[in-house]
């Protein structure tokens, strides 16, 4: 097999473990072992190795944003007015501190950053813009769109 993951030392069982855990990180080792076709001890050893090697960076709970009062997702492109180190560092430091911002990407193209923001609706978004985002110095402009529905979320492509 010559795909990139086998070059990095992952075999088919490692990929099955990663696939199963990415779908349900709360699987017990016994459940995981059954799903991937191993006995519990070698499954536990492989999982710990995958964690130690950094393939598994951590485990997290997926929260229901609607129940928490921030059901709307807004994708925001941000363009900075300058690209010197001070402006980039300041923007990066401040944007990650905003609780509404759930993802930040430095991107190529016309805009400099792509933000994924969770808000309570249009008024919540206006508050986010006025009271948080636009108070960060160095922003030239922004462009945004409300996500209507998520068709696929998360995951990493793992070859069979």
C-alpha atoms as a PDB file:
ATOM      1  CA  UNK A   1       0.000   0.000   0.000  1.00  0.00           C
ATOM      2  CA  UNK A   2       1.523   3.343  -0.973  1.00  0.00           C
ATOM      3  CA  UNK A   3      -0.948   5.924   0.319  1.00  0.00           C
ATOM      4  CA  UNK A   4       0.413   8.683   2.534  1.00  0.00           C
ATOM      5  CA  UNK A   5      -0.973   7.232   5.774  1.00  0.00           C
ATOM      6  CA  UNK A   6       0.906   3.934   5.334  1.00  0.00           C
ATOM      7  CA  UNK A   7       4.096   5.938   4.765  1.00  0.00           C
ATOM      8  CA  UNK A   8       3.480   7.605   8.114  1.00  0.00           C
ATOM      9  CA  UNK A   9       3.271   4.223   9.843  1.00  0.00           C
ATOM     10  CA  UNK A  10      -0.485   3.691  10.014  1.00  0.00           C
ATOM     11  CA  UNK A  11      -1.846   0.316   9.043  1.00  0.00           C
ATOM     12  CA  UNK A  12      -5.485  -0.601   8.343  1.00  0.00           C
ATOM     13  CA  UNK A  13      -6.223  -1.342  12.012  1.00  0.00           C
ATOM     14  CA  UNK A  14      -4.778   1.997  13.135  1.00  0.00           C
ATOM     15  CA  UNK A  15      -6.998   3.757  10.600  1.00  0.00           C
ATOM     16  CA  UNK A  16     -10.057   1.802  11.809  1.00  0.00           C
ATOM     17  CA  UNK A  17      -9.275   2.826  15.397  1.00  0.00           C
ATOM     18  CA  UNK A  18      -8.997   6.475  14.341  1.00  0.00           C
ATOM     19  CA  UNK A  19     -12.199   6.275  12.302  1.00  0.00           C
ATOM     20  CA  UNK A  20     -14.162   4.722  15.187  1.00  0.00           C
ATOM     21  CA  UNK A  21     -12.859   7.173  17.788  1.00  0.00           C
ATOM     22  CA  UNK A  22     -13.517  10.156  15.538  1.00  0.00           C
ATOM     23  CA  UNK A  23     -17.156   9.043  15.367  1.00  0.00           C
ATOM     24  CA  UNK A  24     -17.455   8.324  19.107  1.00  0.00           C
ATOM     25  CA  UNK A  25     -14.617   9.312  21.414  1.00  0.00           C
ATOM     26  CA  UNK A  26     -16.381   7.794  24.417  1.00  0.00           C
ATOM     27  CA  UNK A  27     -16.152   4.197  23.218  1.00  0.00           C
ATOM     28  CA  UNK A  28     -14.776   1.931  25.898  1.00  0.00           C
ATOM     29  CA  UNK A  29     -11.627   0.059  24.973  1.00  0.00           C
ATOM     30  CA  UNK A  30     -13.667  -3.175  24.900  1.00  0.00           C
ATOM     31  CA  UNK A  31     -16.217  -1.678  22.493  1.00  0.00           C
ATOM     32  CA  UNK A  32     -13.450  -0.233  20.323  1.00  0.00           C
ATOM     33  CA  UNK A  33     -11.598  -3.547  20.240  1.00  0.00           C
ATOM     34  CA  UNK A  34     -14.762  -5.347  19.091  1.00  0.00           C
ATOM     35  CA  UNK A  35     -15.379  -2.823  16.333  1.00  0.00           C
ATOM     36  CA  UNK A  36     -11.844  -3.010  14.934  1.00  0.00           C
ATOM     37  CA  UNK A  37     -11.361  -6.745  15.350  1.00  0.00           C
ATOM     38  CA  UNK A  38      -8.751  -6.845  18.107  1.00  0.00           C
ATOM     39  CA  UNK A  39      -8.623  -8.126  21.646  1.00  0.00           C
ATOM     40  CA  UNK A  40      -8.704  -5.357  24.310  1.00  0.00           C
ATOM     41  CA  UNK A  41      -4.997  -5.364  25.253  1.00  0.00           C
ATOM     42  CA  UNK A  42      -3.523  -4.789  21.764  1.00  0.00           C
ATOM     43  CA  UNK A  43      -6.295  -2.281  21.029  1.00  0.00           C
ATOM     44  CA  UNK A  44      -5.424  -0.329  24.169  1.00  0.00           C
ATOM     45  CA  UNK A  45      -1.713  -0.400  23.253  1.00  0.00           C
ATOM     46  CA  UNK A  46      -2.397   0.837  19.716  1.00  0.00           C
ATOM     47  CA  UNK A  47      -4.684   3.599  20.963  1.00  0.00           C
ATOM     48  CA  UNK A  48      -2.083   4.794  23.471  1.00  0.00           C
ATOM     49  CA  UNK A  49       0.590   4.707  20.733  1.00  0.00           C
ATOM     50  CA  UNK A  50      -1.660   6.772  18.427  1.00  0.00           C
ATOM     51  CA  UNK A  51      -2.101   9.281  21.257  1.00  0.00           C
ATOM     52  CA  UNK A  52       1.627   9.364  22.053  1.00  0.00           C
ATOM     53  CA  UNK A  53       2.541   9.877  18.383  1.00  0.00           C
ATOM     54  CA  UNK A  54       0.085  12.761  18.098  1.00  0.00           C
ATOM     55  CA  UNK A  55      -2.460  11.197  15.724  1.00  0.00           C
ATOM     56  CA  UNK A  56      -5.034  11.611  18.495  1.00  0.00           C
ATOM     57  CA  UNK A  57      -4.628  15.112  19.911  1.00  0.00           C
ATOM     58  CA  UNK A  58      -7.389  14.891  22.486  1.00  0.00           C
ATOM     59  CA  UNK A  59     -11.042  14.141  23.148  1.00  0.00           C
ATOM     60  CA  UNK A  60     -13.892  16.631  23.324  1.00  0.00           C
ATOM     61  CA  UNK A  61     -17.618  16.784  23.924  1.00  0.00           C
ATOM     62  CA  UNK A  62     -19.785  18.075  21.070  1.00  0.00           C
ATOM     63  CA  UNK A  63     -22.076  20.658  22.624  1.00  0.00           C
ATOM     64  CA  UNK A  64     -25.583  21.496  21.440  1.00  0.00           C
ATOM     65  CA  UNK A  65     -25.263  25.141  20.484  1.00  0.00           C
ATOM     66  CA  UNK A  66     -29.023  25.554  20.094  1.00  0.00           C
ATOM     67  CA  UNK A  67     -29.647  24.497  23.693  1.00  0.00           C
ATOM     68  CA  UNK A  68     -26.836  26.825  24.764  1.00  0.00           C
ATOM     69  CA  UNK A  69     -28.470  29.807  23.016  1.00  0.00           C
ATOM     70  CA  UNK A  70     -26.059  30.286  20.095  1.00  0.00           C
ATOM     71  CA  UNK A  71     -27.572  28.239  17.268  1.00  0.00           C
ATOM     72  CA  UNK A  72     -26.524  30.404  14.328  1.00  0.00           C
ATOM     73  CA  UNK A  73     -23.230  29.922  12.514  1.00  0.00           C
ATOM     74  CA  UNK A  74     -21.752  32.863  10.651  1.00  0.00           C
ATOM     75  CA  UNK A  75     -18.743  32.540   8.357  1.00  0.00           C
ATOM     76  CA  UNK A  76     -16.800  35.792   8.412  1.00  0.00           C
ATOM     77  CA  UNK A  77     -13.968  36.812   6.115  1.00  0.00           C
ATOM     78  CA  UNK A  78     -11.686  39.474   7.550  1.00  0.00           C
ATOM     79  CA  UNK A  79      -9.238  41.660   5.640  1.00  0.00           C
ATOM     80  CA  UNK A  80      -6.550  43.507   7.571  1.00  0.00           C
ATOM     81  CA  UNK A  81      -5.381  46.959   6.557  1.00  0.00           C
ATOM     82  CA  UNK A  82      -1.695  46.006   6.922  1.00  0.00           C
ATOM     83  CA  UNK A  83       0.258  42.775   7.096  1.00  0.00           C
ATOM     84  CA  UNK A  84       3.184  43.698   9.291  1.00  0.00           C
ATOM     85  CA  UNK A  85       4.099  41.458  12.210  1.00  0.00           C
ATOM     86  CA  UNK A  86       2.568  43.730  14.846  1.00  0.00           C
ATOM     87  CA  UNK A  87      -0.873  43.844  13.177  1.00  0.00           C
ATOM     88  CA  UNK A  88      -0.900  40.076  12.528  1.00  0.00           C
ATOM     89  CA  UNK A  89       0.183  39.235  16.072  1.00  0.00           C
ATOM     90  CA  UNK A  90      -2.300  41.629  17.643  1.00  0.00           C
ATOM     91  CA  UNK A  91      -5.207  40.374  15.551  1.00  0.00           C
ATOM     92  CA  UNK A  92      -4.343  36.732  16.205  1.00  0.00           C
ATOM     93  CA  UNK A  93      -3.985  37.291  19.952  1.00  0.00           C
ATOM     94  CA  UNK A  94      -7.302  39.147  20.263  1.00  0.00           C
ATOM     95  CA  UNK A  95      -9.460  37.055  17.909  1.00  0.00           C
ATOM     96  CA  UNK A  96      -8.815  33.761  19.707  1.00  0.00           C
ATOM     97  CA  UNK A  97     -10.029  35.327  22.963  1.00  0.00           C
ATOM     98  CA  UNK A  98     -13.528  36.061  21.642  1.00  0.00           C
ATOM     99  CA  UNK A  99     -15.914  33.382  22.920  1.00  0.00           C
ATOM    100  CA  UNK A 100     -18.195  33.599  19.873  1.00  0.00           C
ATOM    101  CA  UNK A 101     -15.314  32.660  17.567  1.00  0.00           C
ATOM    102  CA  UNK A 102     -15.164  28.867  17.395  1.00  0.00           C
ATOM    103  CA  UNK A 103     -12.633  28.569  14.552  1.00  0.00           C
ATOM    104  CA  UNK A 104     -10.081  30.925  12.989  1.00  0.00           C
ATOM    105  CA  UNK A 105      -8.191  30.224   9.784  1.00  0.00           C
ATOM    106  CA  UNK A 106      -5.452  32.255   8.133  1.00  0.00           C
ATOM    107  CA  UNK A 107      -6.361  31.911   4.452  1.00  0.00           C
ATOM    108  CA  UNK A 108      -5.094  32.774   1.003  1.00  0.00           C
ATOM    109  CA  UNK A 109      -7.022  34.918  -1.438  1.00  0.00           C
ATOM    110  CA  UNK A 110      -8.658  38.304  -1.198  1.00  0.00           C
ATOM    111  CA  UNK A 111      -9.283  38.094   2.564  1.00  0.00           C
ATOM    112  CA  UNK A 112      -6.764  37.263   5.274  1.00  0.00           C
ATOM    113  CA  UNK A 113      -8.800  35.277   7.810  1.00  0.00           C
ATOM    114  CA  UNK A 114     -11.886  33.083   7.862  1.00  0.00           C
ATOM    115  CA  UNK A 115     -13.801  32.942  11.136  1.00  0.00           C
ATOM    116  CA  UNK A 116     -16.525  30.549  12.185  1.00  0.00           C
ATOM    117  CA  UNK A 117     -18.705  32.364  14.702  1.00  0.00           C
ATOM    118  CA  UNK A 118     -21.579  31.098  16.877  1.00  0.00           C
ATOM    119  CA  UNK A 119     -24.254  33.684  17.709  1.00  0.00           C
ATOM    120  CA  UNK A 120     -27.868  33.948  18.844  1.00  0.00           C
ATOM    121  CA  UNK A 121     -29.178  35.393  15.578  1.00  0.00           C
ATOM    122  CA  UNK A 122     -28.849  38.639  13.672  1.00  0.00           C
ATOM    123  CA  UNK A 123     -28.942  40.778  16.815  1.00  0.00           C
ATOM    124  CA  UNK A 124     -26.334  38.567  18.445  1.00  0.00           C
ATOM    125  CA  UNK A 125     -24.219  38.907  15.334  1.00  0.00           C
ATOM    126  CA  UNK A 126     -24.581  42.688  15.292  1.00  0.00           C
ATOM    127  CA  UNK A 127     -23.472  42.772  18.939  1.00  0.00           C
ATOM    128  CA  UNK A 128     -20.489  40.571  18.092  1.00  0.00           C
ATOM    129  CA  UNK A 129     -19.467  42.904  15.252  1.00  0.00           C
ATOM    130  CA  UNK A 130     -19.942  46.163  17.119  1.00  0.00           C
ATOM    131  CA  UNK A 131     -18.758  45.190  20.587  1.00  0.00           C
ATOM    132  CA  UNK A 132     -16.035  42.698  19.781  1.00  0.00           C
ATOM    133  CA  UNK A 133     -14.749  42.229  16.221  1.00  0.00           C
ATOM    134  CA  UNK A 134     -14.684  45.853  15.071  1.00  0.00           C
ATOM    135  CA  UNK A 135     -12.887  46.901  18.250  1.00  0.00           C
ATOM    136  CA  UNK A 136      -9.809  44.972  17.157  1.00  0.00           C
ATOM    137  CA  UNK A 137      -7.452  47.467  15.491  1.00  0.00           C
ATOM    138  CA  UNK A 138      -6.174  46.791  12.000  1.00  0.00           C
ATOM    139  CA  UNK A 139      -9.324  45.444  10.323  1.00  0.00           C
ATOM    140  CA  UNK A 140      -9.946  46.987   6.900  1.00  0.00           C
ATOM    141  CA  UNK A 141     -13.247  45.235   6.197  1.00  0.00           C
ATOM    142  CA  UNK A 142     -15.199  42.049   6.629  1.00  0.00           C
ATOM    143  CA  UNK A 143     -17.698  40.012   4.692  1.00  0.00           C
ATOM    144  CA  UNK A 144     -20.047  37.469   6.211  1.00  0.00           C
ATOM    145  CA  UNK A 145     -22.717  34.930   5.483  1.00  0.00           C
ATOM    146  CA  UNK A 146     -25.053  32.999   7.746  1.00  0.00           C
ATOM    147  CA  UNK A 147     -24.837  29.239   7.368  1.00  0.00           C
ATOM    148  CA  UNK A 148     -28.285  27.793   6.645  1.00  0.00           C
ATOM    149  CA  UNK A 149     -27.560  24.151   7.409  1.00  0.00           C
ATOM    150  CA  UNK A 150     -24.499  21.996   8.021  1.00  0.00           C
ATOM    151  CA  UNK A 151     -24.354  19.019   5.669  1.00  0.00           C
ATOM    152  CA  UNK A 152     -21.088  17.552   6.975  1.00  0.00           C
ATOM    153  CA  UNK A 153     -18.932  18.409   9.932  1.00  0.00           C
ATOM    154  CA  UNK A 154     -15.585  17.238  11.242  1.00  0.00           C
ATOM    155  CA  UNK A 155     -13.611  14.197  10.315  1.00  0.00           C
ATOM    156  CA  UNK A 156     -10.383  13.521   8.517  1.00  0.00           C
ATOM    157  CA  UNK A 157     -10.204  11.498   5.292  1.00  0.00           C
ATOM    158  CA  UNK A 158      -8.718   8.104   6.141  1.00  0.00           C
ATOM    159  CA  UNK A 159      -8.248   5.609   3.321  1.00  0.00           C
ATOM    160  CA  UNK A 160      -9.600   2.124   3.884  1.00  0.00           C
END
